[in-house]
Amino acid sequence: MIHKARQPQPSVIAAYEKRIAKLEEDKLVSAEKAANPTGPKQTFEEMFEHAVRFLSNSWEIWKKGDLAWKRTVLNLAFLEPIAYDRENGVRTPKTTLPFKALGR
């Protein structure tokens, strides 16, 4: 008895072709990223200077900055969003390591 090879369904073929096209696109994107590596736009010294300036003047940045700067200050200063309790008000936030070290 001879077995006939079963033909794949057109929907299965289309799904495989779609997946292969996606993988080829991802491969091209990865190759382009590898060909044009982007390193830090600033030197370590410049980034360190910005960090020290933030730690020493975070309140000034908060006062003078727009909403984006205020969000940045919150993200850099606190580990999680500041909690608010209706009965007790603002809860004590968990600060990041640099602020913990400065507090001691």
PDB file of N, CA and C in Angstrom:
ATOM      1  N   MET A   1       0.824  -1.161   0.000  1.00  0.00           N
ATOM      2  CA  MET A   1       0.000   0.000   0.000  1.00  0.00           C
ATOM      3  C   MET A   1       0.888   1.251   0.000  1.00  0.00           C
ATOM      4  N   ILE A   2       0.587   2.155  -0.888  1.00  0.00           N
ATOM      5  CA  ILE A   2       1.371   3.380  -1.026  1.00  0.00           C
ATOM      6  C   ILE A   2       0.641   4.515  -0.317  1.00  0.00           C
ATOM      7  N   HIS A   3       1.406   5.227   0.527  1.00  0.00           N
ATOM      8  CA  HIS A   3       0.831   6.373   1.227  1.00  0.00           C
ATOM      9  C   HIS A   3       1.059   7.635   0.415  1.00  0.00           C
ATOM     10  N   LYS A   4       0.019   8.414   0.291  1.00  0.00           N
ATOM     11  CA  LYS A   4       0.169   9.694  -0.389  1.00  0.00           C
ATOM     12  C   LYS A   4       0.594  10.740   0.642  1.00  0.00           C
ATOM     13  N   ALA A   5       1.514  11.611   0.240  1.00  0.00           N
ATOM     14  CA  ALA A   5       1.931  12.695   1.132  1.00  0.00           C
ATOM     15  C   ALA A   5       0.781  13.676   1.276  1.00  0.00           C
ATOM     16  N   ARG A   6       0.529  14.026   2.523  1.00  0.00           N
ATOM     17  CA  ARG A   6      -0.573  14.942   2.804  1.00  0.00           C
ATOM     18  C   ARG A   6      -0.145  16.377   2.488  1.00  0.00           C
ATOM     19  N   GLN A   7      -0.950  17.098   1.753  1.00  0.00           N
ATOM     20  CA  GLN A   7      -0.640  18.474   1.383  1.00  0.00           C
ATOM     21  C   GLN A   7      -0.994  19.407   2.558  1.00  0.00           C
ATOM     22  N   PRO A   8      -0.089  20.326   2.902  1.00  0.00           N
ATOM     23  CA  PRO A   8      -0.400  21.250   3.985  1.00  0.00           C
ATOM     24  C   PRO A   8      -1.537  22.195   3.590  1.00  0.00           C
ATOM     25  N   GLN A   9      -2.256  22.619   4.585  1.00  0.00           N
ATOM     26  CA  GLN A   9      -3.367  23.537   4.372  1.00  0.00           C
ATOM     27  C   GLN A   9      -2.827  24.904   3.938  1.00  0.00           C
ATOM     28  N   PRO A  10      -3.549  25.608   3.079  1.00  0.00           N
ATOM     29  CA  PRO A  10      -3.107  26.950   2.659  1.00  0.00           C
ATOM     30  C   PRO A  10      -2.951  27.914   3.844  1.00  0.00           C
ATOM     31  N   SER A  11      -3.774  27.777   4.863  1.00  0.00           N
ATOM     32  CA  SER A  11      -3.663  28.672   6.021  1.00  0.00           C
ATOM     33  C   SER A  11      -2.363  28.410   6.792  1.00  0.00           C
ATOM     34  N   VAL A  12      -1.938  27.158   6.850  1.00  0.00           N
ATOM     35  CA  VAL A  12      -0.687  26.817   7.524  1.00  0.00           C
ATOM     36  C   VAL A  12       0.494  27.377   6.735  1.00  0.00           C
ATOM     37  N   ILE A  13       0.426  27.235   5.423  1.00  0.00           N
ATOM     38  CA  ILE A  13       1.492  27.772   4.563  1.00  0.00           C
ATOM     39  C   ILE A  13       1.583  29.287   4.736  1.00  0.00           C
ATOM     40  N   ALA A  14       0.449  29.950   4.744  1.00  0.00           N
ATOM     41  CA  ALA A  14       0.431  31.408   4.897  1.00  0.00           C
ATOM     42  C   ALA A  14       0.997  31.818   6.251  1.00  0.00           C
ATOM     43  N   ALA A  15       0.666  31.078   7.299  1.00  0.00           N
ATOM     44  CA  ALA A  15       1.179  31.393   8.637  1.00  0.00           C
ATOM     45  C   ALA A  15       2.696  31.236   8.681  1.00  0.00           C
ATOM     46  N   TYR A  16       3.217  30.166   8.082  1.00  0.00           N
ATOM     47  CA  TYR A  16       4.667  29.965   8.034  1.00  0.00           C
ATOM     48  C   TYR A  16       5.348  31.078   7.228  1.00  0.00           C
ATOM     49  N   GLU A  17       4.766  31.427   6.088  1.00  0.00           N
ATOM     50  CA  GLU A  17       5.358  32.483   5.266  1.00  0.00           C
ATOM     51  C   GLU A  17       5.367  33.822   6.015  1.00  0.00           C
ATOM     52  N   LYS A  18       4.310  34.100   6.741  1.00  0.00           N
ATOM     53  CA  LYS A  18       4.235  35.339   7.520  1.00  0.00           C
ATOM     54  C   LYS A  18       5.300  35.341   8.611  1.00  0.00           C
ATOM     55  N   ARG A  19       5.465  34.218   9.288  1.00  0.00           N
ATOM     56  CA  ARG A  19       6.460  34.107  10.360  1.00  0.00           C
ATOM     57  C   ARG A  19       7.878  34.243   9.792  1.00  0.00           C
ATOM     58  N   ILE A  20       8.131  33.629   8.659  1.00  0.00           N
ATOM     59  CA  ILE A  20       9.452  33.716   8.029  1.00  0.00           C
ATOM     60  C   ILE A  20       9.743  35.158   7.631  1.00  0.00           C
ATOM     61  N   ALA A  21       8.755  35.857   7.080  1.00  0.00           N
ATOM     62  CA  ALA A  21       8.942  37.257   6.700  1.00  0.00           C
ATOM     63  C   ALA A  21       9.258  38.110   7.931  1.00  0.00           C
ATOM     64  N   LYS A  22       8.579  37.853   9.034  1.00  0.00           N
ATOM     65  CA  LYS A  22       8.830  38.594  10.271  1.00  0.00           C
ATOM     66  C   LYS A  22      10.244  38.324  10.781  1.00  0.00           C
ATOM     67  N   LEU A  23      10.677  37.074  10.763  1.00  0.00           N
ATOM     68  CA  LEU A  23      12.023  36.728  11.204  1.00  0.00           C
ATOM     69  C   LEU A  23      13.089  37.375  10.315  1.00  0.00           C
ATOM     70  N   GLU A  24      12.851  37.408   9.007  1.00  0.00           N
ATOM     71  CA  GLU A  24      13.797  38.060   8.103  1.00  0.00           C
ATOM     72  C   GLU A  24      13.871  39.563   8.384  1.00  0.00           C
ATOM     73  N   GLU A  25      12.730  40.177   8.666  1.00  0.00           N
ATOM     74  CA  GLU A  25      12.707  41.601   9.005  1.00  0.00           C
ATOM     75  C   GLU A  25      13.470  41.850  10.306  1.00  0.00           C
ATOM     76  N   ASP A  26      13.237  41.010  11.314  1.00  0.00           N
ATOM     77  CA  ASP A  26      13.961  41.135  12.584  1.00  0.00           C
ATOM     78  C   ASP A  26      15.465  40.955  12.380  1.00  0.00           C
ATOM     79  N   LYS A  27      15.841  40.055  11.503  1.00  0.00           N
ATOM     80  CA  LYS A  27      17.247  39.820  11.217  1.00  0.00           C
ATOM     81  C   LYS A  27      17.886  41.064  10.596  1.00  0.00           C
ATOM     82  N   LEU A  28      17.184  41.712   9.669  1.00  0.00           N
ATOM     83  CA  LEU A  28      17.696  42.927   9.048  1.00  0.00           C
ATOM     84  C   LEU A  28      17.831  44.056  10.068  1.00  0.00           C
ATOM     85  N   VAL A  29      16.850  44.193  10.940  1.00  0.00           N
ATOM     86  CA  VAL A  29      16.905  45.233  11.974  1.00  0.00           C
ATOM     87  C   VAL A  29      18.076  44.976  12.913  1.00  0.00           C
ATOM     88  N   SER A  30      18.258  43.725  13.308  1.00  0.00           N
ATOM     89  CA  SER A  30      19.374  43.381  14.193  1.00  0.00           C
ATOM     90  C   SER A  30      20.719  43.636  13.520  1.00  0.00           C
ATOM     91  N   ALA A  31      20.828  43.302  12.250  1.00  0.00           N
ATOM     92  CA  ALA A  31      22.076  43.530  11.522  1.00  0.00           C
ATOM     93  C   ALA A  31      22.365  45.026  11.407  1.00  0.00           C
ATOM     94  N   GLU A  32      21.323  45.829  11.186  1.00  0.00           N
ATOM     95  CA  GLU A  32      21.517  47.279  11.097  1.00  0.00           C
ATOM     96  C   GLU A  32      21.946  47.860  12.440  1.00  0.00           C
ATOM     97  N   LYS A  33      21.344  47.374  13.524  1.00  0.00           N
ATOM     98  CA  LYS A  33      21.732  47.843  14.859  1.00  0.00           C
ATOM     99  C   LYS A  33      23.171  47.436  15.169  1.00  0.00           C
ATOM    100  N   ALA A  34      23.571  46.243  14.769  1.00  0.00           N
ATOM    101  CA  ALA A  34      24.931  45.785  15.023  1.00  0.00           C
ATOM    102  C   ALA A  34      25.942  46.585  14.205  1.00  0.00           C
ATOM    103  N   ALA A  35      25.547  47.007  13.005  1.00  0.00           N
ATOM    104  CA  ALA A  35      26.453  47.768  12.152  1.00  0.00           C
ATOM    105  C   ALA A  35      26.631  49.201  12.640  1.00  0.00           C
ATOM    106  N   ASN A  36      25.626  49.726  13.329  1.00  0.00           N
ATOM    107  CA  ASN A  36      25.677  51.102  13.819  1.00  0.00           C
ATOM    108  C   ASN A  36      25.501  51.132  15.330  1.00  0.00           C
ATOM    109  N   PRO A  37      26.491  50.653  16.074  1.00  0.00           N
ATOM    110  CA  PRO A  37      26.322  50.645  17.529  1.00  0.00           C
ATOM    111  C   PRO A  37      26.311  52.072  18.077  1.00  0.00           C
ATOM    112  N   THR A  38      25.448  52.277  19.038  1.00  0.00           N
ATOM    113  CA  THR A  38      25.371  53.594  19.667  1.00  0.00           C
ATOM    114  C   THR A  38      25.883  53.465  21.088  1.00  0.00           C
ATOM    115  N   GLY A  39      26.932  54.158  21.349  1.00  0.00           N
ATOM    116  CA  GLY A  39      27.494  54.177  22.688  1.00  0.00           C
ATOM    117  C   GLY A  39      26.919  55.350  23.459  1.00  0.00           C
ATOM    118  N   PRO A  40      27.394  55.546  24.658  1.00  0.00           N
ATOM    119  CA  PRO A  40      26.921  56.687  25.425  1.00  0.00           C
ATOM    120  C   PRO A  40      27.282  57.988  24.710  1.00  0.00           C
ATOM    121  N   LYS A  41      26.357  58.934  24.730  1.00  0.00           N
ATOM    122  CA  LYS A  41      26.583  60.199  24.061  1.00  0.00           C
ATOM    123  C   LYS A  41      27.436  61.125  24.906  1.00  0.00           C
ATOM    124  N   GLN A  42      27.637  60.764  26.163  1.00  0.00           N
ATOM    125  CA  GLN A  42      28.448  61.570  27.048  1.00  0.00           C
ATOM    126  C   GLN A  42      29.525  60.692  27.677  1.00  0.00           C
ATOM    127  N   THR A  43      30.580  61.333  28.125  1.00  0.00           N
ATOM    128  CA  THR A  43      31.631  60.593  28.802  1.00  0.00           C
ATOM    129  C   THR A  43      31.183  60.270  30.229  1.00  0.00           C
ATOM    130  N   PHE A  44      31.911  59.383  30.871  1.00  0.00           N
ATOM    131  CA  PHE A  44      31.594  59.028  32.253  1.00  0.00           C
ATOM    132  C   PHE A  44      31.664  60.255  33.148  1.00  0.00           C
ATOM    133  N   GLU A  45      32.673  61.086  32.912  1.00  0.00           N
ATOM    134  CA  GLU A  45      32.842  62.287  33.739  1.00  0.00           C
ATOM    135  C   GLU A  45      31.652  63.217  33.620  1.00  0.00           C
ATOM    136  N   GLU A  46      31.143  63.393  32.389  1.00  0.00           N
ATOM    137  CA  GLU A  46      29.977  64.254  32.188  1.00  0.00           C
ATOM    138  C   GLU A  46      28.740  63.688  32.881  1.00  0.00           C
ATOM    139  N   MET A  47      28.536  62.380  32.764  1.00  0.00           N
ATOM    140  CA  MET A  47      27.375  61.756  33.415  1.00  0.00           C
ATOM    141  C   MET A  47      27.506  61.831  34.934  1.00  0.00           C
ATOM    142  N   PHE A  48      28.726  61.647  35.445  1.00  0.00           N
ATOM    143  CA  PHE A  48      28.954  61.740  36.881  1.00  0.00           C
ATOM    144  C   PHE A  48      28.658  63.155  37.375  1.00  0.00           C
ATOM    145  N   GLU A  49      29.096  64.142  36.607  1.00  0.00           N
ATOM    146  CA  GLU A  49      28.848  65.540  36.971  1.00  0.00           C
ATOM    147  C   GLU A  49      27.344  65.825  37.025  1.00  0.00           C
ATOM    148  N   HIS A  50      26.589  65.314  36.064  1.00  0.00           N
ATOM    149  CA  HIS A  50      25.135  65.497  36.064  1.00  0.00           C
ATOM    150  C   HIS A  50      24.498  64.829  37.286  1.00  0.00           C
ATOM    151  N   ALA A  51      24.983  63.644  37.630  1.00  0.00           N
ATOM    152  CA  ALA A  51      24.431  62.935  38.781  1.00  0.00           C
ATOM    153  C   ALA A  51      24.698  63.692  40.073  1.00  0.00           C
ATOM    154  N   VAL A  52      25.904  64.190  40.227  1.00  0.00           N
ATOM    155  CA  VAL A  52      26.237  64.948  41.439  1.00  0.00           C
ATOM    156  C   VAL A  52      25.422  66.235  41.488  1.00  0.00           C
ATOM    157  N   ARG A  53      25.268  66.894  40.351  1.00  0.00           N
ATOM    158  CA  ARG A  53      24.472  68.123  40.305  1.00  0.00           C
ATOM    159  C   ARG A  53      23.020  67.823  40.681  1.00  0.00           C
ATOM    160  N   PHE A  54      22.482  66.704  40.202  1.00  0.00           N
ATOM    161  CA  PHE A  54      21.113  66.328  40.567  1.00  0.00           C
ATOM    162  C   PHE A  54      21.003  66.104  42.068  1.00  0.00           C
ATOM    163  N   LEU A  55      21.949  65.359  42.635  1.00  0.00           N
ATOM    164  CA  LEU A  55      21.884  65.062  44.063  1.00  0.00           C
ATOM    165  C   LEU A  55      21.997  66.320  44.914  1.00  0.00           C
ATOM    166  N   SER A  56      22.785  67.277  44.461  1.00  0.00           N
ATOM    167  CA  SER A  56      22.972  68.482  45.264  1.00  0.00           C
ATOM    168  C   SER A  56      21.885  69.528  45.023  1.00  0.00           C
ATOM    169  N   ASN A  57      21.219  69.479  43.877  1.00  0.00           N
ATOM    170  CA  ASN A  57      20.228  70.505  43.549  1.00  0.00           C
ATOM    171  C   ASN A  57      18.884  69.935  43.126  1.00  0.00           C
ATOM    172  N   SER A  58      18.479  68.800  43.639  1.00  0.00           N
ATOM    173  CA  SER A  58      17.227  68.189  43.184  1.00  0.00           C
ATOM    174  C   SER A  58      16.022  69.086  43.467  1.00  0.00           C
ATOM    175  N   TRP A  59      16.053  69.825  44.577  1.00  0.00           N
ATOM    176  CA  TRP A  59      14.931  70.708  44.886  1.00  0.00           C
ATOM    177  C   TRP A  59      14.847  71.857  43.870  1.00  0.00           C
ATOM    178  N   GLU A  60      15.980  72.388  43.453  1.00  0.00           N
ATOM    179  CA  GLU A  60      15.984  73.457  42.455  1.00  0.00           C
ATOM    180  C   GLU A  60      15.457  72.946  41.114  1.00  0.00           C
ATOM    181  N   ILE A  61      15.854  71.747  40.742  1.00  0.00           N
ATOM    182  CA  ILE A  61      15.358  71.145  39.505  1.00  0.00           C
ATOM    183  C   ILE A  61      13.848  70.977  39.597  1.00  0.00           C
ATOM    184  N   TRP A  62      13.353  70.549  40.758  1.00  0.00           N
ATOM    185  CA  TRP A  62      11.922  70.369  40.966  1.00  0.00           C
ATOM    186  C   TRP A  62      11.184  71.702  40.836  1.00  0.00           C
ATOM    187  N   LYS A  63      11.710  72.729  41.479  1.00  0.00           N
ATOM    188  CA  LYS A  63      11.030  74.031  41.468  1.00  0.00           C
ATOM    189  C   LYS A  63      10.993  74.653  40.077  1.00  0.00           C
ATOM    190  N   LYS A  64      12.091  74.589  39.352  1.00  0.00           N
ATOM    191  CA  LYS A  64      12.210  75.286  38.075  1.00  0.00           C
ATOM    192  C   LYS A  64      11.831  74.437  36.865  1.00  0.00           C
ATOM    193  N   GLY A  65      11.741  73.134  37.050  1.00  0.00           N
ATOM    194  CA  GLY A  65      11.520  72.256  35.911  1.00  0.00           C
ATOM    195  C   GLY A  65      10.072  72.138  35.500  1.00  0.00           C
ATOM    196  N   ASP A  66       9.875  71.678  34.274  1.00  0.00           N
ATOM    197  CA  ASP A  66       8.526  71.415  33.793  1.00  0.00           C
ATOM    198  C   ASP A  66       8.088  70.026  34.263  1.00  0.00           C
ATOM    199  N   LEU A  67       6.952  69.566  33.781  1.00  0.00           N
ATOM    200  CA  LEU A  67       6.399  68.284  34.231  1.00  0.00           C
ATOM    201  C   LEU A  67       7.344  67.118  33.948  1.00  0.00           C
ATOM    202  N   ALA A  68       8.006  67.131  32.801  1.00  0.00           N
ATOM    203  CA  ALA A  68       8.940  66.038  32.464  1.00  0.00           C
ATOM    204  C   ALA A  68      10.091  65.982  33.463  1.00  0.00           C
ATOM    205  N   TRP A  69      10.634  67.152  33.840  1.00  0.00           N
ATOM    206  CA  TRP A  69      11.724  67.182  34.822  1.00  0.00           C
ATOM    207  C   TRP A  69      11.230  66.721  36.182  1.00  0.00           C
ATOM    208  N   LYS A  70      10.023  67.111  36.552  1.00  0.00           N
ATOM    209  CA  LYS A  70       9.486  66.690  37.854  1.00  0.00           C
ATOM    210  C   LYS A  70       9.300  65.184  37.901  1.00  0.00           C
ATOM    211  N   ARG A  71       8.843  64.597  36.816  1.00  0.00           N
ATOM    212  CA  ARG A  71       8.713  63.137  36.760  1.00  0.00           C
ATOM    213  C   ARG A  71      10.077  62.470  36.870  1.00  0.00           C
ATOM    214  N   THR A  72      11.076  63.067  36.213  1.00  0.00           N
ATOM    215  CA  THR A  72      12.432  62.526  36.283  1.00  0.00           C
ATOM    216  C   THR A  72      12.956  62.572  37.713  1.00  0.00           C
ATOM    217  N   VAL A  73      12.735  63.688  38.399  1.00  0.00           N
ATOM    218  CA  VAL A  73      13.168  63.810  39.794  1.00  0.00           C
ATOM    219  C   VAL A  73      12.478  62.742  40.644  1.00  0.00           C
ATOM    220  N   LEU A  74      11.177  62.564  40.467  1.00  0.00           N
ATOM    221  CA  LEU A  74      10.456  61.546  41.242  1.00  0.00           C
ATOM    222  C   LEU A  74      11.008  60.148  40.973  1.00  0.00           C
ATOM    223  N   ASN A  75      11.269  59.843  39.698  1.00  0.00           N
ATOM    224  CA  ASN A  75      11.783  58.510  39.351  1.00  0.00           C
ATOM    225  C   ASN A  75      13.180  58.269  39.894  1.00  0.00           C
ATOM    226  N   LEU A  76      13.999  59.321  39.944  1.00  0.00           N
ATOM    227  CA  LEU A  76      15.359  59.166  40.442  1.00  0.00           C
ATOM    228  C   LEU A  76      15.427  59.172  41.965  1.00  0.00           C
ATOM    229  N   ALA A  77      14.472  59.813  42.614  1.00  0.00           N
ATOM    230  CA  ALA A  77      14.526  59.953  44.065  1.00  0.00           C
ATOM    231  C   ALA A  77      13.780  58.846  44.810  1.00  0.00           C
ATOM    232  N   PHE A  78      12.719  58.302  44.221  1.00  0.00           N
ATOM    233  CA  PHE A  78      11.883  57.339  44.940  1.00  0.00           C
ATOM    234  C   PHE A  78      11.805  56.009  44.210  1.00  0.00           C
ATOM    235  N   LEU A  79      11.773  54.933  44.988  1.00  0.00           N
ATOM    236  CA  LEU A  79      11.733  53.585  44.411  1.00  0.00           C
ATOM    237  C   LEU A  79      10.379  53.246  43.804  1.00  0.00           C
ATOM    238  N   GLU A  80       9.313  53.831  44.342  1.00  0.00           N
ATOM    239  CA  GLU A  80       7.959  53.538  43.874  1.00  0.00           C
ATOM    240  C   GLU A  80       7.123  54.805  43.990  1.00  0.00           C
ATOM    241  N   PRO A  81       5.949  54.819  43.364  1.00  0.00           N
ATOM    242  CA  PRO A  81       5.107  56.017  43.465  1.00  0.00           C
ATOM    243  C   PRO A  81       4.796  56.358  44.927  1.00  0.00           C
ATOM    244  N   ILE A  82       4.664  57.647  45.190  1.00  0.00           N
ATOM    245  CA  ILE A  82       4.387  58.098  46.551  1.00  0.00           C
ATOM    246  C   ILE A  82       2.951  57.710  46.911  1.00  0.00           C
ATOM    247  N   ALA A  83       2.803  57.034  48.047  1.00  0.00           N
ATOM    248  CA  ALA A  83       1.489  56.548  48.476  1.00  0.00           C
ATOM    249  C   ALA A  83       0.751  57.641  49.249  1.00  0.00           C
ATOM    250  N   TYR A  84      -0.564  57.680  49.085  1.00  0.00           N
ATOM    251  CA  TYR A  84      -1.391  58.645  49.793  1.00  0.00           C
ATOM    252  C   TYR A  84      -2.522  57.896  50.475  1.00  0.00           C
ATOM    253  N   ASP A  85      -2.729  58.208  51.757  1.00  0.00           N
ATOM    254  CA  ASP A  85      -3.795  57.600  52.543  1.00  0.00           C
ATOM    255  C   ASP A  85      -4.792  58.700  52.880  1.00  0.00           C
ATOM    256  N   ARG A  86      -6.083  58.459  52.665  1.00  0.00           N
ATOM    257  CA  ARG A  86      -7.093  59.485  52.913  1.00  0.00           C
ATOM    258  C   ARG A  86      -7.132  59.942  54.362  1.00  0.00           C
ATOM    259  N   GLU A  87      -6.856  59.053  55.277  1.00  0.00           N
ATOM    260  CA  GLU A  87      -6.915  59.407  56.694  1.00  0.00           C
ATOM    261  C   GLU A  87      -5.615  60.042  57.190  1.00  0.00           C
ATOM    262  N   ASN A  88      -4.476  59.551  56.708  1.00  0.00           N
ATOM    263  CA  ASN A  88      -3.189  60.005  57.229  1.00  0.00           C
ATOM    264  C   ASN A  88      -2.392  60.889  56.280  1.00  0.00           C
ATOM    265  N   GLY A  89      -2.840  61.066  55.056  1.00  0.00           N
ATOM    266  CA  GLY A  89      -2.130  61.891  54.085  1.00  0.00           C
ATOM    267  C   GLY A  89      -1.032  61.124  53.373  1.00  0.00           C
ATOM    268  N   VAL A  90       0.008  61.841  52.989  1.00  0.00           N
ATOM    269  CA  VAL A  90       1.114  61.232  52.243  1.00  0.00           C
ATOM    270  C   VAL A  90       1.907  60.312  53.157  1.00  0.00           C
ATOM    271  N   ARG A  91       2.176  59.122  52.666  1.00  0.00           N
ATOM    272  CA  ARG A  91       2.946  58.135  53.421  1.00  0.00           C
ATOM    273  C   ARG A  91       4.439  58.370  53.190  1.00  0.00           C
ATOM    274  N   THR A  92       5.270  57.866  54.062  1.00  0.00           N
ATOM    275  CA  THR A  92       6.716  58.009  53.910  1.00  0.00           C
ATOM    276  C   THR A  92       7.172  57.184  52.705  1.00  0.00           C
ATOM    277  N   PRO A  93       7.756  57.839  51.702  1.00  0.00           N
ATOM    278  CA  PRO A  93       8.160  57.102  50.502  1.00  0.00           C
ATOM    279  C   PRO A  93       9.477  56.358  50.702  1.00  0.00           C
ATOM    280  N   LYS A  94       9.678  55.340  49.900  1.00  0.00           N
ATOM    281  CA  LYS A  94      10.943  54.614  49.897  1.00  0.00           C
ATOM    282  C   LYS A  94      11.873  55.322  48.923  1.00  0.00           C
ATOM    283  N   THR A  95      12.995  55.801  49.427  1.00  0.00           N
ATOM    284  CA  THR A  95      13.936  56.548  48.591  1.00  0.00           C
ATOM    285  C   THR A  95      14.969  55.616  47.958  1.00  0.00           C
ATOM    286  N   THR A  96      15.614  56.127  46.929  1.00  0.00           N
ATOM    287  CA  THR A  96      16.660  55.367  46.256  1.00  0.00           C
ATOM    288  C   THR A  96      17.940  55.409  47.069  1.00  0.00           C
ATOM    289  N   LEU A  97      18.875  54.548  46.736  1.00  0.00           N
ATOM    290  CA  LEU A  97      20.118  54.396  47.493  1.00  0.00           C
ATOM    291  C   LEU A  97      20.900  55.702  47.686  1.00  0.00           C
ATOM    292  N   PRO A  98      21.071  56.525  46.639  1.00  0.00           N
ATOM    293  CA  PRO A  98      21.849  57.750  46.895  1.00  0.00           C
ATOM    294  C   PRO A  98      21.217  58.652  47.951  1.00  0.00           C
ATOM    295  N   PHE A  99      19.908  58.741  47.974  1.00  0.00           N
ATOM    296  CA  PHE A  99      19.254  59.592  48.974  1.00  0.00           C
ATOM    297  C   PHE A  99      19.293  58.956  50.356  1.00  0.00           C
ATOM    298  N   LYS A 100      19.266  57.632  50.402  1.00  0.00           N
ATOM    299  CA  LYS A 100      19.431  56.957  51.690  1.00  0.00           C
ATOM    300  C   LYS A 100      20.818  57.243  52.251  1.00  0.00           C
ATOM    301  N   ALA A 101      21.829  57.186  51.400  1.00  0.00           N
ATOM    302  CA  ALA A 101      23.197  57.443  51.847  1.00  0.00           C
ATOM    303  C   ALA A 101      23.366  58.894  52.273  1.00  0.00           C
ATOM    304  N   LEU A 102      22.752  59.823  51.559  1.00  0.00           N
ATOM    305  CA  LEU A 102      22.858  61.229  51.920  1.00  0.00           C
ATOM    306  C   LEU A 102      22.115  61.539  53.213  1.00  0.00           C
ATOM    307  N   GLY A 103      21.073  60.765  53.500  1.00  0.00           N
ATOM    308  CA  GLY A 103      20.279  60.998  54.698  1.00  0.00           C
ATOM    309  C   GLY A 103      21.003  60.597  55.972  1.00  0.00           C
ATOM    310  N   ARG A 104      22.008  59.766  55.852  1.00  0.00           N
ATOM    311  CA  ARG A 104      22.721  59.280  57.040  1.00  0.00           C
ATOM    312  C   ARG A 104      23.789  60.185  57.377  1.00  0.00           C
TER     313      ARG A 104
END
